[in-house]
Every structure is written in C-alpha cells, then in structure tokens.
Amino acid sequence: MVMMTGSLAVRGTVLWLTPQQGGRVSGPPEPDYDYDYTATAYLPPRTPEDGQAGIALRRFAPGAWRTPAEGILVPAKGNRAQQVIPGCIVIITEGVRPVGLLTVEEVHALAPDGTPIVTSAPVVDVVADVPAATDPAPADPPYRHSTAASRWASKHASDDAPPQTAGV
C-alpha cells in the first residue's frame, strides 16, 4: 500500500471510454515515441475538485481500447494524501470529463528526482521449530482473521451505552 503524497510510478491496464460513454471523440490516444500521453486524473471516492492529480502514460498500444500501460501519478498541490494500491481504479480525465479508467496492478514511490524508491524487506532471523515425527498433531490449526473482522468482533465501552434516538 502506498500513500500518494508524492509522485508514484504505476503499471496497470487502461480502458479508454468510447465517445458514446463520454470519452474522447477521436478514440484512444495515439502515443508517439517522443511524447507521453498526459492528462489529469483522480481516485474515487475523491472528485476532480478535491483529488486531482496529473498523469502521464506510456507504453500502451496505439488505438487500442484496452491495453497495458505504465504511468506516473503526480498529486496536485494542496490535495490530501490518497491511498493507491493494486486493484484501485484511477479515473483519467481531460478537464473534468472522464475519458479512461486505469486499473492499477503495481505501485512504486518515486524520489523527488524521479528515481524509484526501493524498499527492502526487513531481515528476519527465523529459527524453525520443527516438531519431531513422534509429536502429536496440534488439536486446532492456528486461527487467522482480518483486521476488519477483529474490529467488528471487538467490544468497546460505547457498546454498553443505551440506544438513543436521533432528535431529528
């Protein structure tokens, strides 16, 4: 997971909207070798007014309605951080009109000079505790749960408060 507080390199699949869907009248852009396709973008639930970012796309198939692409997202000055994760959708706009959808598959933070920030995995020393062949099997497998599930199942002092009706 990466918070877009600075520029991000993204890779994914772009789907250009047809003119009937409100997309570009001329169809998908035709990139050339000297220039990237540049536009504006935002990540829902934000809107063009409160979450605008710049986007530059390259390495996509000319004239294709659906194609893999690489790009750079640059947040607009003064906009709050946005969470960019694989699977999220970036709305590509020209002005405020949506013209394409980029499904993010890979995200990398970029340093101010444009080079990727490489985060190394923490080094962990693991000592394997391998049970002997004569040890009995554990009675129950370990229980795993998501953070969301633990939030729903947790108890809080406010749960004991008597219900109150809204004075509307």
Protein backbone atom coordinates (compact mmCIF):
# COMPACT_ATOMS: atom_id res chain seq x y z
CA MET A 1 0.00 0.00 0.00
CA VAL A 2 1.35 3.45 -0.91
CA MET A 3 0.03 6.85 0.09
CA MET A 4 0.23 9.31 -2.78
CA THR A 5 1.90 12.25 -1.05
CA GLY A 6 4.49 12.44 -3.80
CA SER A 7 4.87 11.08 -7.31
CA LEU A 8 4.13 7.41 -7.94
CA ALA A 9 5.06 5.08 -10.78
CA VAL A 10 2.14 2.80 -11.65
CA ARG A 11 1.61 -0.10 -14.03
CA GLY A 12 -1.77 -1.46 -14.99
CA THR A 13 -4.43 -1.76 -17.66
CA VAL A 14 -6.08 1.26 -19.20
CA LEU A 15 -9.59 1.11 -20.65
CA TRP A 16 -10.49 4.10 -22.84
CA LEU A 17 -14.12 5.17 -22.82
CA THR A 18 -15.92 5.26 -26.17
CA PRO A 19 -17.41 8.53 -27.45
CA GLN A 20 -20.86 7.12 -26.60
CA GLN A 21 -19.68 6.69 -22.98
CA GLY A 22 -18.48 10.30 -22.87
CA GLY A 23 -14.85 9.51 -23.75
CA ARG A 24 -12.59 11.03 -26.38
CA VAL A 25 -14.31 11.79 -29.68
CA SER A 26 -11.14 10.84 -31.55
CA GLY A 27 -10.90 7.47 -29.76
CA PRO A 28 -7.90 6.15 -27.83
CA PRO A 29 -4.83 8.40 -27.94
CA GLU A 30 -2.07 7.64 -30.41
CA PRO A 31 1.21 7.88 -28.44
CA ASP A 32 4.37 8.63 -30.32
CA TYR A 33 7.92 7.84 -29.36
CA ASP A 34 8.84 11.40 -28.34
CA TYR A 35 5.93 12.23 -26.04
CA ASP A 36 3.86 10.56 -23.33
CA TYR A 37 0.08 10.98 -23.13
CA THR A 38 -0.58 13.50 -20.33
CA ALA A 39 -3.88 14.32 -18.69
CA THR A 40 -5.46 14.78 -15.29
CA ALA A 41 -6.82 12.04 -13.03
CA TYR A 42 -8.39 11.29 -9.66
CA LEU A 43 -9.01 8.28 -7.43
CA PRO A 44 -12.58 7.67 -6.25
CA PRO A 45 -14.14 8.48 -3.84
CA ARG A 46 -12.37 11.77 -4.50
CA THR A 47 -13.54 14.02 -7.31
CA PRO A 48 -11.70 16.21 -9.82
CA GLU A 49 -12.28 19.12 -7.43
CA ASP A 50 -10.73 17.60 -4.28
CA GLY A 51 -8.38 14.87 -5.51
CA GLN A 52 -6.91 15.95 -8.82
CA ALA A 53 -3.56 14.53 -9.90
CA GLY A 54 -1.53 14.75 -13.05
CA ILE A 55 -0.96 11.55 -15.03
CA ALA A 56 1.48 10.66 -17.79
CA LEU A 57 1.03 7.34 -19.60
CA ARG A 58 3.40 5.46 -21.88
CA ARG A 59 3.99 2.02 -23.37
CA PHE A 60 0.38 1.43 -24.33
CA ALA A 61 -0.86 0.12 -27.66
CA PRO A 62 -1.79 2.90 -30.11
CA GLY A 63 -5.51 2.94 -30.90
CA ALA A 64 -6.34 0.06 -28.52
CA TRP A 65 -9.45 0.46 -26.35
CA ARG A 66 -7.95 -1.78 -23.63
CA THR A 67 -4.19 -2.07 -23.19
CA PRO A 68 -1.43 -2.46 -20.58
CA ALA A 69 0.23 0.85 -19.71
CA GLU A 70 2.82 2.42 -17.45
CA GLY A 71 2.48 5.84 -15.95
CA ILE A 72 3.33 8.42 -13.34
CA LEU A 73 0.81 9.99 -10.97
CA VAL A 74 1.64 13.41 -9.54
CA PRO A 75 -0.72 14.84 -6.87
CA ALA A 76 -1.92 18.41 -7.26
CA LYS A 77 -0.58 20.92 -4.78
CA GLY A 78 -2.65 21.12 -1.62
CA ASN A 79 -4.55 17.84 -2.12
CA ARG A 80 -4.58 15.38 0.74
CA ALA A 81 -2.79 12.04 0.53
CA GLN A 82 -4.62 9.27 -1.32
CA GLN A 83 -4.20 5.53 -0.91
CA VAL A 84 -3.02 3.86 -4.10
CA ILE A 85 -2.97 0.06 -4.03
CA PRO A 86 -3.07 -2.67 -6.66
CA GLY A 87 -6.67 -3.11 -7.75
CA CYS A 88 -7.70 0.53 -7.34
CA ILE A 89 -9.16 2.47 -10.26
CA VAL A 90 -7.72 5.79 -11.45
CA ILE A 91 -10.18 7.90 -13.46
CA ILE A 92 -8.31 9.56 -16.34
CA THR A 93 -9.84 12.92 -17.26
CA GLU A 94 -9.38 15.62 -19.83
CA GLY A 95 -10.53 18.63 -17.88
CA VAL A 96 -13.25 17.18 -15.65
CA ARG A 97 -14.59 14.76 -18.30
CA PRO A 98 -13.64 11.09 -17.70
CA VAL A 99 -12.00 9.57 -20.78
CA GLY A 100 -10.40 6.40 -19.38
CA LEU A 101 -10.03 4.03 -16.46
CA LEU A 102 -6.65 2.75 -15.26
CA THR A 103 -6.75 -0.38 -13.10
CA VAL A 104 -3.57 -0.28 -11.02
CA GLU A 105 -1.60 -3.54 -10.84
CA GLU A 106 1.71 -2.30 -9.44
CA VAL A 107 2.74 0.83 -7.47
CA HIS A 108 6.18 2.28 -6.71
CA ALA A 109 7.00 5.51 -4.87
CA LEU A 110 9.35 7.92 -6.67
CA ALA A 111 12.04 10.14 -5.16
CA PRO A 112 11.93 13.89 -6.00
CA ASP A 113 14.47 13.26 -8.79
CA GLY A 114 12.12 10.66 -10.37
CA THR A 115 14.08 7.55 -9.42
CA PRO A 116 12.15 4.66 -7.83
CA ILE A 117 12.37 4.36 -4.06
CA VAL A 118 13.41 0.80 -3.37
CA THR A 119 12.17 -0.50 -0.06
CA SER A 120 13.97 -3.57 1.14
CA ALA A 121 12.18 -6.22 3.09
CA PRO A 122 13.18 -6.37 6.75
CA VAL A 123 15.71 -9.02 7.56
CA VAL A 124 14.24 -11.54 9.97
CA ASP A 125 16.16 -14.37 11.56
CA VAL A 126 13.89 -17.37 11.75
CA VAL A 127 14.67 -20.43 13.78
CA ALA A 128 12.49 -23.25 12.60
CA ASP A 129 10.85 -25.25 15.38
CA VAL A 130 10.26 -28.48 13.51
CA PRO A 131 8.24 -30.99 15.54
CA ALA A 132 9.62 -34.48 15.79
CA ALA A 133 7.81 -37.24 13.94
CA THR A 134 6.51 -38.60 17.25
CA ASP A 135 4.92 -35.30 18.37
CA PRO A 136 1.12 -35.34 18.23
CA ALA A 137 -0.52 -33.08 15.66
CA PRO A 138 -1.93 -29.82 17.04
CA ALA A 139 -5.61 -30.06 18.03
CA ASP A 140 -6.69 -26.98 16.05
CA PRO A 141 -4.98 -25.12 13.24
CA PRO A 142 -3.99 -21.53 14.07
CA TYR A 143 -6.87 -19.06 13.68
CA ARG A 144 -6.29 -16.19 11.31
CA HIS A 145 -8.56 -13.20 10.91
CA SER A 146 -8.53 -9.90 9.13
CA THR A 147 -8.29 -6.54 10.81
CA ALA A 148 -11.82 -5.74 9.66
CA ALA A 149 -13.17 -8.89 11.26
CA SER A 150 -11.44 -8.08 14.54
CA ARG A 151 -12.92 -4.58 14.51
CA TRP A 152 -16.44 -5.92 14.05
CA ALA A 153 -15.98 -8.54 16.76
CA SER A 154 -14.25 -6.31 19.31
CA LYS A 155 -16.04 -4.93 22.34
CA HIS A 156 -15.98 -1.22 23.17
CA ALA A 157 -17.37 0.72 26.16
CA SER A 158 -19.77 2.55 23.85
CA ASP A 159 -21.42 -0.81 23.02
CA ASP A 160 -22.90 -0.85 26.56
CA ALA A 161 -24.45 2.63 26.28
CA PRO A 162 -28.25 2.68 25.98
CA PRO A 163 -29.51 3.39 22.45
CA GLN A 164 -30.63 6.97 21.82
CA THR A 165 -32.96 8.18 19.11
CA ALA A 166 -31.83 10.91 16.80
CA GLY A 167 -33.60 14.16 17.62
CA VAL A 168 -34.44 14.98 14.03
